[in-house]
C-alpha atoms as a PDB file:
ATOM      1  CA  MET A   1      -2.499  36.175 -63.922  1.00  0.00           C
ATOM      2  CA  THR A   2      -1.010  38.548 -65.965  1.00  0.00           C
ATOM      3  CA  ILE A   3      -1.480  42.048 -65.865  1.00  0.00           C
ATOM      4  CA  PRO A   4      -1.326  44.256 -69.018  1.00  0.00           C
ATOM      5  CA  ALA A   5       1.548  46.731 -68.391  1.00  0.00           C
ATOM      6  CA  ALA A   6      -1.002  49.658 -69.890  1.00  0.00           C
ATOM      7  CA  LEU A   7      -2.568  49.619 -66.202  1.00  0.00           C
ATOM      8  CA  ASP A   8       0.447  48.448 -64.091  1.00  0.00           C
ATOM      9  CA  HIS A   9       1.196  51.524 -62.336  1.00  0.00           C
ATOM     10  CA  PRO A  10      -0.408  52.810 -59.101  1.00  0.00           C
ATOM     11  CA  GLY A  11      -4.119  54.261 -58.774  1.00  0.00           C
ATOM     12  CA  LEU A  12      -4.642  51.702 -61.851  1.00  0.00           C
ATOM     13  CA  ARG A  13      -4.317  48.559 -59.878  1.00  0.00           C
ATOM     14  CA  LEU A  14      -4.082  47.855 -56.095  1.00  0.00           C
ATOM     15  CA  THR A  15      -1.270  46.095 -53.879  1.00  0.00           C
ATOM     16  CA  MET A  16      -0.709  44.791 -50.740  1.00  0.00           C
ATOM     17  CA  ALA A  17       2.165  47.242 -49.941  1.00  0.00           C
ATOM     18  CA  GLU A  18       0.098  50.135 -50.294  1.00  0.00           C
ATOM     19  CA  LEU A  19      -2.994  48.905 -48.870  1.00  0.00           C
ATOM     20  CA  MET A  20      -0.275  47.581 -45.572  1.00  0.00           C
ATOM     21  CA  SER A  21       1.269  51.857 -45.824  1.00  0.00           C
ATOM     22  CA  LEU A  22      -2.143  52.767 -45.071  1.00  0.00           C
ATOM     23  CA  ARG A  23      -1.999  51.706 -41.294  1.00  0.00           C
ATOM     24  CA  PRO A  24      -2.219  54.736 -38.449  1.00  0.00           C
ATOM     25  CA  PRO A  25       1.217  54.846 -36.192  1.00  0.00           C
ATOM     26  CA  ASP A  26       1.386  52.204 -32.992  1.00  0.00           C
ATOM     27  CA  ARG A  27       0.655  54.537 -30.786  1.00  0.00           C
ATOM     28  CA  MET A  28      -2.604  55.285 -32.283  1.00  0.00           C
ATOM     29  CA  GLN A  29      -3.019  51.214 -32.230  1.00  0.00           C
ATOM     30  CA  ARG A  30      -4.798  49.432 -29.273  1.00  0.00           C
ATOM     31  CA  GLN A  31      -4.453  45.835 -28.498  1.00  0.00           C
ATOM     32  CA  ARG A  32      -6.801  43.104 -27.888  1.00  0.00           C
ATOM     33  CA  PRO A  33      -6.894  41.658 -24.082  1.00  0.00           C
ATOM     34  CA  ALA A  34      -5.377  38.060 -25.124  1.00  0.00           C
ATOM     35  CA  SER A  35      -8.484  36.608 -22.997  1.00  0.00           C
ATOM     36  CA  ARG A  36     -11.317  38.182 -25.337  1.00  0.00           C
ATOM     37  CA  ARG A  37     -13.009  36.529 -27.626  1.00  0.00           C
ATOM     38  CA  ALA A  38     -11.974  38.135 -31.030  1.00  0.00           C
ATOM     39  CA  GLY A  39     -14.515  41.007 -32.083  1.00  0.00           C
ATOM     40  CA  ALA A  40     -15.661  41.542 -28.096  1.00  0.00           C
ATOM     41  CA  ILE A  41     -15.056  44.543 -26.975  1.00  0.00           C
ATOM     42  CA  PRO A  42     -15.914  45.545 -22.882  1.00  0.00           C
ATOM     43  CA  ALA A  43     -19.552  48.051 -23.021  1.00  0.00           C
ATOM     44  CA  ARG A  44     -19.960  50.506 -20.293  1.00  0.00           C
ATOM     45  CA  VAL A  45     -22.999  48.467 -19.402  1.00  0.00           C
ATOM     46  CA  ALA A  46     -23.171  45.682 -16.287  1.00  0.00           C
ATOM     47  CA  GLY A  47     -23.143  42.086 -17.527  1.00  0.00           C
ATOM     48  CA  GLN A  48     -21.879  38.793 -18.001  1.00  0.00           C
ATOM     49  CA  GLY A  49     -18.140  39.896 -19.990  1.00  0.00           C
ATOM     50  CA  MET A  50     -15.041  39.113 -18.699  1.00  0.00           C
ATOM     51  CA  ASP A  51     -13.520  42.863 -17.986  1.00  0.00           C
ATOM     52  CA  LEU A  52     -14.078  43.313 -14.076  1.00  0.00           C
ATOM     53  CA  ARG A  53     -16.735  46.315 -13.571  1.00  0.00           C
ATOM     54  CA  GLU A  54     -16.696  46.936  -9.558  1.00  0.00           C
ATOM     55  CA  ILE A  55     -16.149  44.935  -6.673  1.00  0.00           C
ATOM     56  CA  ARG A  56     -19.291  45.722  -3.804  1.00  0.00           C
ATOM     57  CA  ALA A  57     -21.452  44.662  -0.946  1.00  0.00           C
ATOM     58  CA  PHE A  58     -24.170  41.415  -1.501  1.00  0.00           C
ATOM     59  CA  ALA A  59     -26.730  42.727  -2.165  1.00  0.00           C
ATOM     60  CA  ASP A  60     -30.861  40.634  -2.345  1.00  0.00           C
ATOM     61  CA  GLY A  61     -31.308  39.637  -5.741  1.00  0.00           C
ATOM     62  CA  ASP A  62     -27.735  39.178  -6.418  1.00  0.00           C
ATOM     63  CA  ASP A  63     -26.329  35.762  -8.036  1.00  0.00           C
ATOM     64  CA  LEU A  64     -24.353  33.770  -5.466  1.00  0.00           C
ATOM     65  CA  ARG A  65     -22.190  32.284  -8.692  1.00  0.00           C
ATOM     66  CA  ARG A  66     -20.564  36.299  -8.559  1.00  0.00           C
ATOM     67  CA  ILE A  67     -19.501  36.319  -4.661  1.00  0.00           C
ATOM     68  CA  ASP A  68     -15.481  37.284  -4.775  1.00  0.00           C
ATOM     69  CA  PRO A  69     -14.226  35.168  -2.078  1.00  0.00           C
ATOM     70  CA  ALA A  70     -11.033  37.442  -1.465  1.00  0.00           C
ATOM     71  CA  ALA A  71     -13.238  40.171  -0.773  1.00  0.00           C
ATOM     72  CA  THR A  72     -15.454  38.442   1.348  1.00  0.00           C
ATOM     73  CA  ALA A  73     -13.215  37.204   3.437  1.00  0.00           C
ATOM     74  CA  ARG A  74     -10.843  40.772   3.943  1.00  0.00           C
ATOM     75  CA  THR A  75     -14.172  42.430   5.181  1.00  0.00           C
ATOM     76  CA  GLY A  76     -16.462  39.721   6.831  1.00  0.00           C
ATOM     77  CA  GLN A  77     -19.049  41.078   4.163  1.00  0.00           C
ATOM     78  CA  LEU A  78     -20.160  39.206   1.261  1.00  0.00           C
ATOM     79  CA  HIS A  79     -19.086  41.058  -1.443  1.00  0.00           C
ATOM     80  CA  VAL A  80     -19.607  40.360  -5.191  1.00  0.00           C
ATOM     81  CA  ARG A  81     -18.212  41.309  -8.468  1.00  0.00           C
ATOM     82  CA  SER A  82     -19.746  42.798 -11.245  1.00  0.00           C
ATOM     83  CA  PHE A  83     -18.583  42.434 -15.346  1.00  0.00           C
ATOM     84  CA  HIS A  84     -18.563  44.949 -18.073  1.00  0.00           C
ATOM     85  CA  GLU A  85     -21.376  43.265 -20.740  1.00  0.00           C
ATOM     86  CA  ASP A  86     -19.182  42.046 -23.992  1.00  0.00           C
ATOM     87  CA  ARG A  87     -20.491  43.749 -26.814  1.00  0.00           C
ATOM     88  CA  ASP A  88     -19.593  42.346 -30.795  1.00  0.00           C
ATOM     89  CA  ASP A  89     -17.299  44.511 -32.475  1.00  0.00           C
ATOM     90  CA  SER A  90     -17.537  42.384 -35.779  1.00  0.00           C
ATOM     91  CA  THR A  91     -16.543  44.953 -39.360  1.00  0.00           C
ATOM     92  CA  LEU A  92     -17.294  43.738 -42.120  1.00  0.00           C
ATOM     93  CA  LEU A  93     -15.594  45.669 -45.226  1.00  0.00           C
ATOM     94  CA  VAL A  94     -17.815  45.033 -48.568  1.00  0.00           C
ATOM     95  CA  ALA A  95     -15.615  46.113 -51.797  1.00  0.00           C
ATOM     96  CA  ASP A  96     -17.282  46.455 -55.432  1.00  0.00           C
ATOM     97  CA  PHE A  97     -14.869  45.784 -58.062  1.00  0.00           C
ATOM     98  CA  ARG A  98     -17.608  45.225 -60.699  1.00  0.00           C
ATOM     99  CA  HIS A  99     -17.225  46.703 -64.205  1.00  0.00           C
ATOM    100  CA  PRO A 100     -18.660  50.505 -63.279  1.00  0.00           C
ATOM    101  CA  MET A 101     -16.229  50.870 -60.855  1.00  0.00           C
ATOM    102  CA  LEU A 102     -13.673  50.240 -63.020  1.00  0.00           C
ATOM    103  CA  TRP A 103     -13.008  53.736 -64.711  1.00  0.00           C
ATOM    104  CA  GLY A 104     -11.982  56.744 -63.318  1.00  0.00           C
ATOM    105  CA  THR A 105     -10.456  60.623 -64.839  1.00  0.00           C
ATOM    106  CA  GLY A 106      -8.283  61.679 -61.710  1.00  0.00           C
ATOM    107  CA  THR A 107      -5.375  60.288 -59.934  1.00  0.00           C
ATOM    108  CA  ALA A 108      -7.045  56.786 -59.136  1.00  0.00           C
ATOM    109  CA  LEU A 109      -9.911  54.482 -60.171  1.00  0.00           C
ATOM    110  CA  ARG A 110     -12.740  55.129 -58.528  1.00  0.00           C
ATOM    111  CA  SER A 111     -12.724  51.187 -57.236  1.00  0.00           C
ATOM    112  CA  VAL A 112      -8.768  51.463 -56.172  1.00  0.00           C
ATOM    113  CA  ARG A 113     -10.407  54.664 -53.957  1.00  0.00           C
ATOM    114  CA  ALA A 114     -12.657  52.381 -52.584  1.00  0.00           C
ATOM    115  CA  ALA A 115     -10.642  49.941 -51.239  1.00  0.00           C
ATOM    116  CA  ARG A 116      -8.245  52.599 -50.064  1.00  0.00           C
ATOM    117  CA  HIS A 117     -10.527  53.951 -48.774  1.00  0.00           C
ATOM    118  CA  LEU A 118     -12.754  50.490 -47.072  1.00  0.00           C
ATOM    119  CA  ALA A 119      -8.287  49.370 -46.130  1.00  0.00           C
ATOM    120  CA  MET A 120      -8.348  52.945 -43.858  1.00  0.00           C
ATOM    121  CA  LEU A 121     -11.889  51.888 -41.857  1.00  0.00           C
ATOM    122  CA  GLY A 122     -10.535  47.798 -40.983  1.00  0.00           C
ATOM    123  CA  TRP A 123      -7.355  49.528 -39.813  1.00  0.00           C
ATOM    124  CA  ARG A 124      -9.314  52.030 -37.570  1.00  0.00           C
ATOM    125  CA  ALA A 125     -11.125  48.488 -36.489  1.00  0.00           C
ATOM    126  CA  VAL A 126      -8.236  46.415 -35.759  1.00  0.00           C
ATOM    127  CA  GLY A 127      -7.038  49.517 -33.668  1.00  0.00           C
ATOM    128  CA  ARG A 128      -9.571  49.115 -31.636  1.00  0.00           C
ATOM    129  CA  GLY A 129      -9.873  45.663 -30.824  1.00  0.00           C
ATOM    130  CA  GLY A 130     -11.994  44.281 -33.513  1.00  0.00           C
ATOM    131  CA  SER A 131     -12.549  41.861 -35.630  1.00  0.00           C
ATOM    132  CA  VAL A 132     -12.275  42.240 -39.516  1.00  0.00           C
ATOM    133  CA  GLY A 133     -13.667  40.473 -42.752  1.00  0.00           C
ATOM    134  CA  LEU A 134     -13.903  41.352 -46.548  1.00  0.00           C
ATOM    135  CA  LEU A 135     -16.484  40.421 -49.100  1.00  0.00           C
ATOM    136  CA  VAL A 136     -15.311  41.503 -52.958  1.00  0.00           C
ATOM    137  CA  VAL A 137     -17.681  42.061 -55.237  1.00  0.00           C
ATOM    138  CA  GLY A 138     -16.968  41.651 -58.744  1.00  0.00           C
ATOM    139  CA  ASP A 139     -18.014  39.813 -61.504  1.00  0.00           C
ATOM    140  CA  ASP A 140     -17.473  36.563 -61.494  1.00  0.00           C
ATOM    141  CA  ALA A 141     -17.472  34.788 -57.475  1.00  0.00           C
ATOM    142  CA  PRO A 142     -17.383  37.000 -54.764  1.00  0.00           C
ATOM    143  CA  LEU A 143     -13.738  37.277 -52.741  1.00  0.00           C
ATOM    144  CA  VAL A 144     -14.594  36.052 -49.069  1.00  0.00           C
ATOM    145  CA  VAL A 145     -12.168  36.812 -45.598  1.00  0.00           C
ATOM    146  CA  ASN A 146     -13.866  35.829 -43.207  1.00  0.00           C
ATOM    147  CA  PRO A 147     -13.437  38.421 -39.973  1.00  0.00           C
ATOM    148  CA  ALA A 148     -10.648  38.037 -37.159  1.00  0.00           C
ATOM    149  CA  ALA A 149      -8.596  39.974 -35.621  1.00  0.00           C
ATOM    150  CA  GLY A 150      -5.244  42.015 -35.570  1.00  0.00           C
ATOM    151  CA  VAL A 151      -2.178  42.746 -38.363  1.00  0.00           C
ATOM    152  CA  SER A 152      -2.005  39.425 -39.841  1.00  0.00           C
ATOM    153  CA  GLN A 153      -6.154  39.975 -40.801  1.00  0.00           C
ATOM    154  CA  MET A 154      -5.001  42.973 -42.046  1.00  0.00           C
ATOM    155  CA  GLN A 155      -2.693  41.784 -44.374  1.00  0.00           C
ATOM    156  CA  GLU A 156      -5.239  38.707 -45.213  1.00  0.00           C
ATOM    157  CA  ILE A 157      -7.126  41.408 -46.536  1.00  0.00           C
ATOM    158  CA  ALA A 158      -5.368  43.654 -48.239  1.00  0.00           C
ATOM    159  CA  SER A 159      -3.860  40.507 -50.402  1.00  0.00           C
ATOM    160  CA  ALA A 160      -7.299  39.805 -50.957  1.00  0.00           C
ATOM    161  CA  LEU A 161      -8.216  43.033 -52.013  1.00  0.00           C
ATOM    162  CA  ALA A 162      -5.103  43.535 -54.532  1.00  0.00           C
ATOM    163  CA  ARG A 163      -6.284  39.653 -55.878  1.00  0.00           C
ATOM    164  CA  GLY A 164      -9.688  41.050 -56.342  1.00  0.00           C
ATOM    165  CA  HIS A 165      -8.792  44.034 -58.001  1.00  0.00           C
ATOM    166  CA  ASP A 166      -6.557  42.207 -60.088  1.00  0.00           C
ATOM    167  CA  ALA A 167      -9.243  39.679 -61.057  1.00  0.00           C
ATOM    168  CA  ALA A 168     -11.311  42.379 -61.680  1.00  0.00           C
ATOM    169  CA  LEU A 169      -9.305  44.327 -64.304  1.00  0.00           C
ATOM    170  CA  THR A 170      -8.822  41.121 -66.692  1.00  0.00           C
ATOM    171  CA  ARG A 171     -12.909  40.239 -66.712  1.00  0.00           C
ATOM    172  CA  ARG A 172     -15.053  41.126 -69.007  1.00  0.00           C
ATOM    173  CA  ALA A 173     -17.739  43.184 -68.120  1.00  0.00           C
ATOM    174  CA  GLY A 174     -21.147  41.048 -66.425  1.00  0.00           C
ATOM    175  CA  ALA A 175     -24.743  41.446 -64.684  1.00  0.00           C
ATOM    176  CA  VAL A 176     -24.370  41.155 -61.150  1.00  0.00           C
ATOM    177  CA  THR A 177     -25.992  42.647 -58.817  1.00  0.00           C
ATOM    178  CA  LEU A 178     -25.137  43.401 -54.964  1.00  0.00           C
ATOM    179  CA  VAL A 179     -28.269  41.030 -53.590  1.00  0.00           C
ATOM    180  CA  PRO A 180     -26.413  37.953 -53.615  1.00  0.00           C
ATOM    181  CA  ALA A 181     -23.287  40.187 -51.044  1.00  0.00           C
ATOM    182  CA  LEU A 182     -25.881  41.828 -49.248  1.00  0.00           C
ATOM    183  CA  ALA A 183     -27.905  38.984 -48.724  1.00  0.00           C
ATOM    184  CA  ARG A 184     -23.754  36.977 -47.784  1.00  0.00           C
ATOM    185  CA  ALA A 185     -23.001  40.568 -45.463  1.00  0.00           C
ATOM    186  CA  MET A 186     -25.721  39.392 -43.455  1.00  0.00           C
ATOM    187  CA  ARG A 187     -24.730  35.793 -42.830  1.00  0.00           C
ATOM    188  CA  MET A 188     -21.441  36.938 -41.769  1.00  0.00           C
ATOM    189  CA  VAL A 189     -22.117  39.705 -39.564  1.00  0.00           C
ATOM    190  CA  PRO A 190     -24.169  39.605 -35.913  1.00  0.00           C
ATOM    191  CA  PRO A 191     -26.232  42.024 -34.995  1.00  0.00           C
ATOM    192  CA  GLY A 192     -24.751  44.697 -33.404  1.00  0.00           C
ATOM    193  CA  GLY A 193     -21.623  44.658 -36.022  1.00  0.00           C
ATOM    194  CA  ARG A 194     -21.320  47.266 -39.042  1.00  0.00           C
ATOM    195  CA  VAL A 195     -21.046  47.062 -42.235  1.00  0.00           C
ATOM    196  CA  HIS A 196     -18.962  49.738 -44.829  1.00  0.00           C
ATOM    197  CA  LEU A 197     -19.772  48.897 -48.290  1.00  0.00           C
ATOM    198  CA  ALA A 198     -18.107  51.231 -51.220  1.00  0.00           C
ATOM    199  CA  THR A 199     -19.187  51.302 -54.454  1.00  0.00           C
ATOM    200  CA  GLY A 200     -20.585  54.498 -56.959  1.00  0.00           C
ATOM    201  CA  PRO A 201     -23.507  55.734 -57.117  1.00  0.00           C
ATOM    202  CA  GLU A 202     -25.419  53.254 -60.110  1.00  0.00           C
ATOM    203  CA  GLY A 203     -23.920  50.524 -57.383  1.00  0.00           C
ATOM    204  CA  LEU A 204     -27.556  49.962 -55.468  1.00  0.00           C
ATOM    205  CA  ALA A 205     -29.944  49.571 -57.828  1.00  0.00           C
ATOM    206  CA  ASP A 206     -32.448  46.958 -57.493  1.00  0.00           C
ATOM    207  CA  ALA A 207     -30.939  46.488 -54.048  1.00  0.00           C
ATOM    208  CA  ASP A 208     -33.054  48.420 -51.057  1.00  0.00           C
ATOM    209  CA  ALA A 209     -35.101  45.223 -50.131  1.00  0.00           C
ATOM    210  CA  ALA A 210     -31.914  43.896 -49.277  1.00  0.00           C
ATOM    211  CA  LEU A 211     -30.141  47.015 -48.502  1.00  0.00           C
ATOM    212  CA  THR A 212     -33.041  47.076 -45.652  1.00  0.00           C
ATOM    213  CA  ARG A 213     -32.821  43.380 -44.206  1.00  0.00           C
ATOM    214  CA  LEU A 214     -28.950  44.167 -43.740  1.00  0.00           C
ATOM    215  CA  ALA A 215     -29.610  47.627 -42.212  1.00  0.00           C
ATOM    216  CA  GLN A 216     -31.838  45.833 -39.139  1.00  0.00           C
ATOM    217  CA  GLY A 217     -29.747  45.614 -36.331  1.00  0.00           C
ATOM    218  CA  ARG A 218     -26.577  46.168 -37.888  1.00  0.00           C
ATOM    219  CA  ARG A 219     -24.824  49.418 -38.702  1.00  0.00           C
ATOM    220  CA  PHE A 220     -24.326  49.421 -42.446  1.00  0.00           C
ATOM    221  CA  GLU A 221     -22.497  52.280 -43.755  1.00  0.00           C
ATOM    222  CA  VAL A 222     -22.383  52.973 -47.610  1.00  0.00           C
ATOM    223  CA  HIS A 223     -19.366  55.465 -49.074  1.00  0.00           C
ATOM    224  CA  VAL A 224     -20.320  56.286 -52.229  1.00  0.00           C
ATOM    225  CA  ILE A 225     -17.070  56.824 -54.146  1.00  0.00           C
ATOM    226  CA  LEU A 226     -17.078  60.234 -56.657  1.00  0.00           C
ATOM    227  CA  ASP A 227     -14.568  60.141 -59.688  1.00  0.00           C
ATOM    228  CA  PRO A 228     -13.459  64.111 -60.114  1.00  0.00           C
ATOM    229  CA  ALA A 229     -15.302  64.171 -62.960  1.00  0.00           C
ATOM    230  CA  GLU A 230     -19.248  63.763 -61.215  1.00  0.00           C
ATOM    231  CA  ALA A 231     -18.342  65.758 -58.183  1.00  0.00           C
ATOM    232  CA  ALA A 232     -16.668  68.921 -60.420  1.00  0.00           C
ATOM    233  CA  PRO A 233     -17.012  67.940 -63.862  1.00  0.00           C
ATOM    234  CA  PRO A 234     -14.545  69.738 -66.652  1.00  0.00           C
ATOM    235  CA  ALA A 235     -16.183  73.367 -68.186  1.00  0.00           C
ATOM    236  CA  ALA A 236     -15.766  72.926 -71.416  1.00  0.00           C
ATOM    237  CA  THR A 237     -17.688  70.957 -74.630  1.00  0.00           C
ATOM    238  CA  LEU A 238     -16.615  67.501 -74.491  1.00  0.00           C
ATOM    239  CA  ALA A 239     -16.457  64.929 -77.375  1.00  0.00           C
ATOM    240  CA  VAL A 240     -18.412  62.423 -77.031  1.00  0.00           C
ATOM    241  CA  SER A 241     -18.094  59.405 -80.005  1.00  0.00           C
ATOM    242  CA  ASP A 242     -19.336  55.957 -79.917  1.00  0.00           C
ATOM    243  CA  ALA A 243     -17.728  55.024 -83.052  1.00  0.00           C
ATOM    244  CA  ALA A 244     -20.834  55.169 -85.846  1.00  0.00           C
ATOM    245  CA  HIS A 245     -21.611  58.987 -83.913  1.00  0.00           C
ATOM    246  CA  SER A 246     -20.379  61.848 -82.401  1.00  0.00           C
ATOM    247  CA  ARG A 247     -21.719  64.836 -80.565  1.00  0.00           C
ATOM    248  CA  HIS A 248     -19.792  67.608 -78.353  1.00  0.00           C
ATOM    249  CA  GLY A 249     -21.825  68.367 -74.700  1.00  0.00           C
ATOM    250  CA  ARG A 250     -20.891  69.377 -70.990  1.00  0.00           C
ATOM    251  CA  LEU A 251     -21.247  67.047 -67.961  1.00  0.00           C
ATOM    252  CA  SER A 252     -23.562  68.123 -65.409  1.00  0.00           C
ATOM    253  CA  PRO A 253     -22.197  67.589 -61.673  1.00  0.00           C
ATOM    254  CA  PHE A 254     -23.888  64.549 -59.523  1.00  0.00           C
ATOM    255  CA  ASP A 255     -26.192  65.785 -57.252  1.00  0.00           C
ATOM    256  CA  PRO A 256     -25.727  63.041 -54.299  1.00  0.00           C
ATOM    257  CA  GLN A 257     -28.662  65.009 -51.945  1.00  0.00           C
ATOM    258  CA  PRO A 258     -32.027  62.129 -53.484  1.00  0.00           C
ATOM    259  CA  LEU A 259     -29.368  59.082 -53.299  1.00  0.00           C
ATOM    260  CA  LEU A 260     -28.112  60.255 -49.823  1.00  0.00           C
ATOM    261  CA  ALA A 261     -31.727  60.750 -48.456  1.00  0.00           C
ATOM    262  CA  HIS A 262     -33.422  57.655 -50.089  1.00  0.00           C
ATOM    263  CA  LEU A 263     -30.226  55.343 -47.969  1.00  0.00           C
ATOM    264  CA  ARG A 264     -31.531  56.848 -44.813  1.00  0.00           C
ATOM    265  CA  ARG A 265     -34.969  56.027 -45.347  1.00  0.00           C
ATOM    266  CA  LEU A 266     -33.424  52.960 -45.715  1.00  0.00           C
ATOM    267  CA  GLY A 267     -32.188  52.676 -42.539  1.00  0.00           C
ATOM    268  CA  ALA A 268     -28.051  52.794 -43.715  1.00  0.00           C
ATOM    269  CA  HIS A 269     -25.931  55.393 -42.925  1.00  0.00           C
ATOM    270  CA  PRO A 270     -24.266  57.227 -46.093  1.00  0.00           C
ATOM    271  CA  ASP A 271     -21.257  58.797 -46.767  1.00  0.00           C
ATOM    272  CA  LEU A 272     -20.113  60.550 -49.698  1.00  0.00           C
ATOM    273  CA  VAL A 273     -16.375  59.797 -50.798  1.00  0.00           C
ATOM    274  CA  GLY A 274     -15.479  62.816 -53.142  1.00  0.00           C
ATOM    275  CA  ALA A 275     -12.137  63.162 -55.211  1.00  0.00           C
ATOM    276  CA  ASP A 276      -9.878  64.158 -52.629  1.00  0.00           C
ATOM    277  CA  ASP A 277     -10.704  61.424 -50.077  1.00  0.00           C
ATOM    278  CA  GLY A 278      -9.428  57.846 -49.830  1.00  0.00           C
ATOM    279  CA  ARG A 279      -6.320  58.498 -51.550  1.00  0.00           C
END
């Protein structure tokens, strides 16, 4: 794939190295126990997990299969083990690289800032021992990385984000909606998992029903990426031209509150990523 020279500099093009550099210091990383399946972490409630919660005296109704032989032999009384319940910590990152995201007036395109923000969320998930997957939505077929755990998984995700963004930069605009991608996200993330979608204010058009379905049983966070010109437009008048006509006007700041309120009503957890976030 050949990228035009004009696009080959930071802020316009993503690189795997840049996204890998967002990894927190090693002291902030928590290693996942090798005995537990990827994406499962112990919850506080008792259940059928793999981490020991307590050893206590046998009581009526306890499962005989949970008897602890060592404690029973040592005390002369029946003792049982109880375990933490494993809950699923599976995270899916959804990057919107459709044409409306491929612009910017600051130091980076909205799409680049979206990818950086998602990468940081992915590193957090890996740090707490969860599994992470990726779904890149562009103006052609989606790019998918199935959920898995570990630093090597973030390497794959960083590489996929860079490849998906390069592909988006070389393709013409299409008329792709987020609905098919949200339906696919439902199949990739089990109930109890998390979905992080990074898109622009206009990216959720006609997707209300799909958003509501995805939010059921999952923590669905929508990260609305704003360009500096949307968050704090210049006060000066600007010339606007379509090659045939021209005029002057001023940009109005984007008011995110109606969109954020609408997303909350659909069951999503909205997050506004302003000009200084996701760098």
